[in-house]
PDB file of N, CA and C in Angstrom:
ATOM      1  N   MET A   1       1.039  -0.904   0.040  1.00  0.00           N
ATOM      2  CA  MET A   1      -0.085   0.334   0.109  1.00  0.00           C
ATOM      3  C   MET A   1       0.931   1.192  -0.316  1.00  0.00           C
ATOM      4  N   LEU A   2       0.381   2.230  -0.486  1.00  0.00           N
ATOM      5  CA  LEU A   2       1.190   3.426  -0.891  1.00  0.00           C
ATOM      6  C   LEU A   2       1.194   4.659   0.532  1.00  0.00           C
ATOM      7  N   TRP A   3       2.400   5.177   0.492  1.00  0.00           N
ATOM      8  CA  TRP A   3       2.328   5.950   1.936  1.00  0.00           C
ATOM      9  C   TRP A   3       0.836   6.808   2.114  1.00  0.00           C
ATOM     10  N   SER A   4       0.749   7.154   0.771  1.00  0.00           N
ATOM     11  CA  SER A   4      -0.556   8.149   0.937  1.00  0.00           C
ATOM     12  C   SER A   4      -2.214   7.391   0.993  1.00  0.00           C
ATOM     13  N   GLU A   5      -2.318   6.475   0.636  1.00  0.00           N
ATOM     14  CA  GLU A   5      -3.502   5.789   0.477  1.00  0.00           C
ATOM     15  C   GLU A   5      -3.785   5.410   2.186  1.00  0.00           C
ATOM     16  N   VAL A   6      -2.398   4.968   3.444  1.00  0.00           N
ATOM     17  CA  VAL A   6      -2.022   5.027   4.749  1.00  0.00           C
ATOM     18  C   VAL A   6      -2.708   6.202   5.467  1.00  0.00           C
ATOM     19  N   ARG A   7      -2.279   7.111   4.541  1.00  0.00           N
ATOM     20  CA  ARG A   7      -2.448   8.613   5.289  1.00  0.00           C
ATOM     21  C   ARG A   7      -3.961   8.988   5.202  1.00  0.00           C
ATOM     22  N   ASP A   8      -4.542   8.928   4.051  1.00  0.00           N
ATOM     23  CA  ASP A   8      -6.176   8.459   3.761  1.00  0.00           C
ATOM     24  C   ASP A   8      -6.994   7.960   4.538  1.00  0.00           C
ATOM     25  N   LEU A   9      -6.906   6.372   5.000  1.00  0.00           N
ATOM     26  CA  LEU A   9      -7.122   5.480   5.649  1.00  0.00           C
ATOM     27  C   LEU A   9      -6.898   5.910   6.899  1.00  0.00           C
ATOM     28  N   PHE A  10      -6.059   5.998   7.470  1.00  0.00           N
ATOM     29  CA  PHE A  10      -5.884   6.473   9.231  1.00  0.00           C
ATOM     30  C   PHE A  10      -4.732   7.920   9.591  1.00  0.00           C
ATOM     31  N   PRO A  11      -5.770   8.700   9.086  1.00  0.00           N
ATOM     32  CA  PRO A  11      -5.901  10.411   9.327  1.00  0.00           C
ATOM     33  C   PRO A  11      -5.005   9.968  10.450  1.00  0.00           C
ATOM     34  N   ASP A  12      -3.747  11.170  10.754  1.00  0.00           N
ATOM     35  CA  ASP A  12      -3.531  11.979  12.253  1.00  0.00           C
ATOM     36  C   ASP A  12      -3.407  10.835  13.805  1.00  0.00           C
ATOM     37  N   GLN A  13      -3.034   9.859  13.274  1.00  0.00           N
ATOM     38  CA  GLN A  13      -2.126   8.417  13.919  1.00  0.00           C
ATOM     39  C   GLN A  13      -1.127   7.781  13.277  1.00  0.00           C
ATOM     40  N   PHE A  14      -1.005   7.092  15.035  1.00  0.00           N
ATOM     41  CA  PHE A  14       0.394   6.548  14.408  1.00  0.00           C
ATOM     42  C   PHE A  14      -0.405   5.184  13.761  1.00  0.00           C
ATOM     43  N   VAL A  15       0.953   4.158  13.483  1.00  0.00           N
ATOM     44  CA  VAL A  15       1.017   3.097  12.865  1.00  0.00           C
ATOM     45  C   VAL A  15       1.850   1.998  12.500  1.00  0.00           C
ATOM     46  N   LEU A  16       1.512   0.754  12.932  1.00  0.00           N
ATOM     47  CA  LEU A  16       2.536  -0.135  13.022  1.00  0.00           C
ATOM     48  C   LEU A  16       3.062  -0.578  11.268  1.00  0.00           C
ATOM     49  N   VAL A  17       3.529  -0.508  10.665  1.00  0.00           N
ATOM     50  CA  VAL A  17       3.561  -0.802   9.438  1.00  0.00           C
ATOM     51  C   VAL A  17       5.455  -2.107   8.921  1.00  0.00           C
ATOM     52  N   GLU A  18       4.963  -2.419   7.977  1.00  0.00           N
ATOM     53  CA  GLU A  18       6.364  -3.336   7.478  1.00  0.00           C
ATOM     54  C   GLU A  18       6.308  -2.697   6.132  1.00  0.00           C
ATOM     55  N   GLU A  19       7.694  -2.109   6.259  1.00  0.00           N
ATOM     56  CA  GLU A  19       8.540  -1.686   4.788  1.00  0.00           C
ATOM     57  C   GLU A  19       8.254  -2.909   3.639  1.00  0.00           C
ATOM     58  N   LEU A  20       7.813  -2.749   2.011  1.00  0.00           N
ATOM     59  CA  LEU A  20       7.741  -3.203   1.638  1.00  0.00           C
ATOM     60  C   LEU A  20       8.162  -3.097   0.283  1.00  0.00           C
ATOM     61  N   LYS A  21       8.140  -1.556   0.069  1.00  0.00           N
ATOM     62  CA  LYS A  21       9.014  -1.559  -0.960  1.00  0.00           C
ATOM     63  C   LYS A  21      10.123   0.132  -0.741  1.00  0.00           C
ATOM     64  N   SER A  22      11.583   0.398  -0.936  1.00  0.00           N
ATOM     65  CA  SER A  22      12.196   1.537  -0.240  1.00  0.00           C
ATOM     66  C   SER A  22      13.659   1.394  -1.341  1.00  0.00           C
ATOM     67  N   HIS A  23      14.282   2.963  -1.492  1.00  0.00           N
ATOM     68  CA  HIS A  23      15.307   3.071  -2.422  1.00  0.00           C
ATOM     69  C   HIS A  23      15.939   3.924  -0.660  1.00  0.00           C
ATOM     70  N   TYR A  24      17.177   3.664  -1.220  1.00  0.00           N
ATOM     71  CA  TYR A  24      18.735   4.984  -0.409  1.00  0.00           C
ATOM     72  C   TYR A  24      19.138   6.013  -0.790  1.00  0.00           C
ATOM     73  N   GLU A  25      18.581   6.949  -0.587  1.00  0.00           N
ATOM     74  CA  GLU A  25      19.762   7.983  -1.569  1.00  0.00           C
ATOM     75  C   GLU A  25      20.202   8.951  -0.051  1.00  0.00           C
ATOM     76  N   ASP A  26      21.909   9.011  -0.034  1.00  0.00           N
ATOM     77  CA  ASP A  26      22.755   9.337   0.483  1.00  0.00           C
ATOM     78  C   ASP A  26      22.893   8.416   2.125  1.00  0.00           C
ATOM     79  N   SER A  27      21.919   9.180   2.618  1.00  0.00           N
ATOM     80  CA  SER A  27      22.147   8.237   3.961  1.00  0.00           C
ATOM     81  C   SER A  27      20.466   8.525   4.760  1.00  0.00           C
ATOM     82  N   MET A  28      19.585   8.549   3.640  1.00  0.00           N
ATOM     83  CA  MET A  28      18.423   8.864   3.954  1.00  0.00           C
ATOM     84  C   MET A  28      17.494   7.005   3.053  1.00  0.00           C
ATOM     85  N   LEU A  29      16.578   6.854   4.063  1.00  0.00           N
ATOM     86  CA  LEU A  29      16.110   5.889   3.417  1.00  0.00           C
ATOM     87  C   LEU A  29      14.604   5.807   3.151  1.00  0.00           C
ATOM     88  N   HIS A  30      13.944   6.401   1.613  1.00  0.00           N
ATOM     89  CA  HIS A  30      12.749   6.376   1.191  1.00  0.00           C
ATOM     90  C   HIS A  30      11.547   5.294   1.105  1.00  0.00           C
ATOM     91  N   VAL A  31      10.680   5.478   2.213  1.00  0.00           N
ATOM     92  CA  VAL A  31      10.273   3.772   1.684  1.00  0.00           C
ATOM     93  C   VAL A  31       8.827   4.095   1.024  1.00  0.00           C
ATOM     94  N   GLU A  32       8.761   3.564  -0.176  1.00  0.00           N
ATOM     95  CA  GLU A  32       7.364   4.269  -0.657  1.00  0.00           C
ATOM     96  C   GLU A  32       5.926   3.083  -0.475  1.00  0.00           C
ATOM     97  N   GLU A  33       6.647   1.739  -0.290  1.00  0.00           N
ATOM     98  CA  GLU A  33       4.840   0.777  -0.351  1.00  0.00           C
ATOM     99  C   GLU A  33       5.743   0.635   1.277  1.00  0.00           C
ATOM    100  N   VAL A  34       4.347   0.580   1.910  1.00  0.00           N
ATOM    101  CA  VAL A  34       3.723  -0.359   2.805  1.00  0.00           C
ATOM    102  C   VAL A  34       2.758  -1.373   2.879  1.00  0.00           C
ATOM    103  N   ALA A  35       3.223  -2.167   4.747  1.00  0.00           N
ATOM    104  CA  ALA A  35       1.405  -3.101   4.719  1.00  0.00           C
ATOM    105  C   ALA A  35       1.608  -2.959   6.046  1.00  0.00           C
ATOM    106  N   VAL A  36       0.410  -2.566   5.911  1.00  0.00           N
ATOM    107  CA  VAL A  36      -0.004  -1.566   7.610  1.00  0.00           C
ATOM    108  C   VAL A  36      -0.646  -3.119   8.931  1.00  0.00           C
ATOM    109  N   ILE A  37       0.196  -2.987  10.055  1.00  0.00           N
ATOM    110  CA  ILE A  37       0.367  -3.896  10.865  1.00  0.00           C
ATOM    111  C   ILE A  37      -1.388  -3.842  11.962  1.00  0.00           C
ATOM    112  N   LYS A  38      -1.030  -2.633  12.408  1.00  0.00           N
ATOM    113  CA  LYS A  38      -2.196  -1.733  12.823  1.00  0.00           C
ATOM    114  C   LYS A  38      -2.534  -0.907  13.738  1.00  0.00           C
ATOM    115  N   PRO A  39      -2.649   0.415  12.982  1.00  0.00           N
ATOM    116  CA  PRO A  39      -2.948   1.749  13.709  1.00  0.00           C
ATOM    117  C   PRO A  39      -2.931   1.918  15.490  1.00  0.00           C
ATOM    118  N   ILE A  40      -2.689   2.450  15.274  1.00  0.00           N
ATOM    119  CA  ILE A  40      -1.614   2.563  17.668  1.00  0.00           C
ATOM    120  C   ILE A  40      -2.860   3.919  17.714  1.00  0.00           C
ATOM    121  N   GLN A  41      -3.244   3.869  19.055  1.00  0.00           N
ATOM    122  CA  GLN A  41      -4.317   5.016  19.487  1.00  0.00           C
ATOM    123  C   GLN A  41      -3.598   6.106  20.713  1.00  0.00           C
ATOM    124  N   ASP A  42      -1.997   5.845  21.063  1.00  0.00           N
ATOM    125  CA  ASP A  42      -1.663   6.673  21.258  1.00  0.00           C
ATOM    126  C   ASP A  42      -0.363   7.177  21.588  1.00  0.00           C
ATOM    127  N   ALA A  43       0.259   7.768  21.761  1.00  0.00           N
ATOM    128  CA  ALA A  43       1.056   8.068  21.922  1.00  0.00           C
ATOM    129  C   ALA A  43       2.362   6.800  22.894  1.00  0.00           C
ATOM    130  N   GLN A  44       1.937   6.694  23.746  1.00  0.00           N
ATOM    131  CA  GLN A  44       2.174   5.685  24.565  1.00  0.00           C
ATOM    132  C   GLN A  44       2.960   3.805  24.249  1.00  0.00           C
ATOM    133  N   GLU A  45       1.267   3.766  23.743  1.00  0.00           N
ATOM    134  CA  GLU A  45       1.506   2.437  23.146  1.00  0.00           C
ATOM    135  C   GLU A  45       2.248   2.985  22.059  1.00  0.00           C
ATOM    136  N   ALA A  46       2.106   3.616  20.564  1.00  0.00           N
ATOM    137  CA  ALA A  46       3.227   3.653  19.706  1.00  0.00           C
ATOM    138  C   ALA A  46       4.827   3.588  20.469  1.00  0.00           C
ATOM    139  N   TRP A  47       5.630   3.922  21.792  1.00  0.00           N
ATOM    140  CA  TRP A  47       6.045   3.745  22.157  1.00  0.00           C
ATOM    141  C   TRP A  47       6.855   2.512  21.543  1.00  0.00           C
ATOM    142  N   LYS A  48       5.816   1.967  22.939  1.00  0.00           N
ATOM    143  CA  LYS A  48       6.245   0.002  22.719  1.00  0.00           C
ATOM    144  C   LYS A  48       6.281  -0.502  21.862  1.00  0.00           C
ATOM    145  N   GLU A  49       5.207   0.348  20.534  1.00  0.00           N
ATOM    146  CA  GLU A  49       5.365  -0.973  19.850  1.00  0.00           C
ATOM    147  C   GLU A  49       6.193  -0.712  18.973  1.00  0.00           C
ATOM    148  N   LEU A  50       6.972   0.774  19.104  1.00  0.00           N
ATOM    149  CA  LEU A  50       8.556   0.741  18.018  1.00  0.00           C
ATOM    150  C   LEU A  50       9.274  -0.296  18.506  1.00  0.00           C
ATOM    151  N   PHE A  51       9.750   0.212  20.087  1.00  0.00           N
ATOM    152  CA  PHE A  51      10.853  -0.532  20.663  1.00  0.00           C
ATOM    153  C   PHE A  51      10.726  -2.457  20.622  1.00  0.00           C
ATOM    154  N   SER A  52       9.301  -2.681  20.030  1.00  0.00           N
ATOM    155  CA  SER A  52       9.492  -4.251  19.943  1.00  0.00           C
ATOM    156  C   SER A  52       9.465  -4.313  18.689  1.00  0.00           C
ATOM    157  N   ALA A  53       9.520  -3.710  17.871  1.00  0.00           N
ATOM    158  CA  ALA A  53       9.089  -3.819  16.379  1.00  0.00           C
ATOM    159  C   ALA A  53      10.482  -4.187  15.544  1.00  0.00           C
ATOM    160  N   LYS A  54      11.119  -5.925  15.166  1.00  0.00           N
ATOM    161  CA  LYS A  54      11.772  -5.609  14.632  1.00  0.00           C
ATOM    162  C   LYS A  54      11.757  -6.255  13.270  1.00  0.00           C
ATOM    163  N   ASN A  55      12.840  -6.379  12.576  1.00  0.00           N
ATOM    164  CA  ASN A  55      13.079  -6.382  10.709  1.00  0.00           C
ATOM    165  C   ASN A  55      12.770  -4.673  10.438  1.00  0.00           C
ATOM    166  N   GLU A  56      11.796  -5.474   9.351  1.00  0.00           N
ATOM    167  CA  GLU A  56      11.284  -4.072   8.890  1.00  0.00           C
ATOM    168  C   GLU A  56      10.272  -3.329   9.331  1.00  0.00           C
ATOM    169  N   ARG A  57       9.967  -4.133  10.562  1.00  0.00           N
ATOM    170  CA  ARG A  57       8.587  -3.028  10.807  1.00  0.00           C
ATOM    171  C   ARG A  57       9.229  -1.737  11.554  1.00  0.00           C
ATOM    172  N   PHE A  58       8.143  -0.782  12.136  1.00  0.00           N
ATOM    173  CA  PHE A  58       8.361   0.153  12.311  1.00  0.00           C
ATOM    174  C   PHE A  58       6.777   1.370  12.714  1.00  0.00           C
ATOM    175  N   VAL A  59       7.069   1.972  13.609  1.00  0.00           N
ATOM    176  CA  VAL A  59       6.140   2.578  13.927  1.00  0.00           C
ATOM    177  C   VAL A  59       6.085   4.264  13.421  1.00  0.00           C
ATOM    178  N   TYR A  60       5.095   5.213  12.368  1.00  0.00           N
ATOM    179  CA  TYR A  60       5.324   6.445  11.833  1.00  0.00           C
ATOM    180  C   TYR A  60       3.742   7.034  12.338  1.00  0.00           C
ATOM    181  N   HIS A  61       3.925   8.261  12.364  1.00  0.00           N
ATOM    182  CA  HIS A  61       2.744   8.973  11.993  1.00  0.00           C
ATOM    183  C   HIS A  61       2.328   9.960  10.936  1.00  0.00           C
ATOM    184  N   THR A  62       0.938   9.031  11.006  1.00  0.00           N
ATOM    185  CA  THR A  62       0.795   9.876   9.334  1.00  0.00           C
ATOM    186  C   THR A  62       0.606  11.195   8.572  1.00  0.00           C
ATOM    187  N   SER A  63       1.269  12.135  10.048  1.00  0.00           N
ATOM    188  CA  SER A  63       1.241  13.212   9.233  1.00  0.00           C
ATOM    189  C   SER A  63       2.090  13.687   8.505  1.00  0.00           C
ATOM    190  N   ASN A  64       2.833  12.440   8.441  1.00  0.00           N
ATOM    191  CA  ASN A  64       4.348  13.087   7.920  1.00  0.00           C
ATOM    192  C   ASN A  64       3.747  12.405   6.420  1.00  0.00           C
ATOM    193  N   GLU A  65       3.926  13.864   5.653  1.00  0.00           N
ATOM    194  CA  GLU A  65       3.797  13.652   4.018  1.00  0.00           C
ATOM    195  C   GLU A  65       4.295  12.856   2.861  1.00  0.00           C
ATOM    196  N   ASN A  66       5.342  11.857   3.736  1.00  0.00           N
ATOM    197  CA  ASN A  66       6.872  10.905   3.479  1.00  0.00           C
ATOM    198  C   ASN A  66       7.514  10.625   4.468  1.00  0.00           C
ATOM    199  N   ILE A  67       7.633   9.200   4.264  1.00  0.00           N
ATOM    200  CA  ILE A  67       8.335   8.349   5.263  1.00  0.00           C
ATOM    201  C   ILE A  67       9.771   8.389   4.743  1.00  0.00           C
ATOM    202  N   VAL A  68      10.560   8.993   5.380  1.00  0.00           N
ATOM    203  CA  VAL A  68      12.061   9.050   5.056  1.00  0.00           C
ATOM    204  C   VAL A  68      12.473   8.971   6.675  1.00  0.00           C
ATOM    205  N   ILE A  69      13.807   7.848   6.471  1.00  0.00           N
ATOM    206  CA  ILE A  69      14.421   8.082   7.667  1.00  0.00           C
ATOM    207  C   ILE A  69      15.583   8.248   7.679  1.00  0.00           C
ATOM    208  N   GLU A  70      16.960   9.252   8.742  1.00  0.00           N
ATOM    209  CA  GLU A  70      18.041   8.838   8.590  1.00  0.00           C
ATOM    210  C   GLU A  70      18.588   7.203   8.774  1.00  0.00           C
ATOM    211  N   VAL A  71      19.540   6.949   8.066  1.00  0.00           N
ATOM    212  CA  VAL A  71      19.626   5.793   8.379  1.00  0.00           C
ATOM    213  C   VAL A  71      21.474   6.171   9.433  1.00  0.00           C
ATOM    214  N   ARG A  72      21.590   5.239  10.154  1.00  0.00           N
ATOM    215  CA  ARG A  72      22.908   5.649  10.511  1.00  0.00           C
ATOM    216  C   ARG A  72      23.848   4.313  10.888  1.00  0.00           C
ATOM    217  N   THR A  73      24.940   4.285  10.301  1.00  0.00           N
ATOM    218  CA  THR A  73      25.681   3.439  10.812  1.00  0.00           C
ATOM    219  C   THR A  73      26.514   3.190  11.956  1.00  0.00           C
ATOM    220  N   LYS A  74      26.485   2.050  12.475  1.00  0.00           N
ATOM    221  CA  LYS A  74      27.267   2.115  13.554  1.00  0.00           C
ATOM    222  C   LYS A  74      28.875   2.145  13.318  1.00  0.00           C
ATOM    223  N   PRO A  75      30.028   2.435  14.053  1.00  0.00           N
ATOM    224  CA  PRO A  75      31.347   2.158  13.532  1.00  0.00           C
ATOM    225  C   PRO A  75      32.065   0.984  14.363  1.00  0.00           C
ATOM    226  N   MET A  76      32.858   0.465  13.803  1.00  0.00           N
ATOM    227  CA  MET A  76      33.344  -0.858  14.511  1.00  0.00           C
ATOM    228  C   MET A  76      33.727  -0.993  15.539  1.00  0.00           C
ATOM    229  N   ILE A  77      33.735  -1.328  16.214  1.00  0.00           N
ATOM    230  CA  ILE A  77      33.773  -1.540  17.737  1.00  0.00           C
ATOM    231  C   ILE A  77      35.085  -2.526  18.340  1.00  0.00           C
ATOM    232  N   ARG A  78      35.802  -1.686  18.828  1.00  0.00           N
ATOM    233  CA  ARG A  78      37.462  -2.767  18.348  1.00  0.00           C
ATOM    234  C   ARG A  78      37.685  -2.411  19.794  1.00  0.00           C
ATOM    235  N   ARG A  79      37.934  -4.193  20.551  1.00  0.00           N
ATOM    236  CA  ARG A  79      38.609  -3.815  21.533  1.00  0.00           C
ATOM    237  C   ARG A  79      39.881  -5.175  21.474  1.00  0.00           C
ATOM    238  N   LEU A  80      40.915  -4.779  22.292  1.00  0.00           N
ATOM    239  CA  LEU A  80      42.172  -5.798  22.468  1.00  0.00           C
ATOM    240  C   LEU A  80      41.327  -7.571  23.361  1.00  0.00           C
ATOM    241  N   PRO A  81      41.659  -8.653  22.292  1.00  0.00           N
ATOM    242  CA  PRO A  81      41.658 -10.051  23.183  1.00  0.00           C
ATOM    243  C   PRO A  81      41.840  -9.390  24.256  1.00  0.00           C
ATOM    244  N   VAL A  82      40.886 -10.781  24.999  1.00  0.00           N
ATOM    245  CA  VAL A  82      41.614 -10.606  26.088  1.00  0.00           C
ATOM    246  C   VAL A  82      41.877 -12.063  26.619  1.00  0.00           C
ATOM    247  N   HIS A  83      42.998 -12.394  27.610  1.00  0.00           N
ATOM    248  CA  HIS A  83      43.743 -13.148  27.502  1.00  0.00           C
ATOM    249  C   HIS A  83      43.730 -14.116  28.590  1.00  0.00           C
ATOM    250  N   GLU A  84      43.434 -15.444  28.968  1.00  0.00           N
ATOM    251  CA  GLU A  84      43.440 -15.332  30.869  1.00  0.00           C
ATOM    252  C   GLU A  84      44.697 -16.103  31.235  1.00  0.00           C
ATOM    253  N   SER A  85      45.763 -15.865  32.106  1.00  0.00           N
ATOM    254  CA  SER A  85      46.522 -16.635  32.618  1.00  0.00           C
ATOM    255  C   SER A  85      46.952 -17.902  32.540  1.00  0.00           C
TER     256      SER A  85
END
């Protein structure tokens, strides 16, 4: 489903969605198509769903005209090897 269709069906609320089609531009993910998992009634429930979401699922508010997410890469963490004596 296109994001514009989701916005029409669920005006001014949070929705839990799964990314179906997207593309990257620089460090931004532009999501084009989603599957709606469920609408979310309030901000507290939205936070719970966001933190438990996995894989391509995320929470977004339909007041946003487009879904554009900044993607941050984590630098490699290097540690010295630990040797037991």
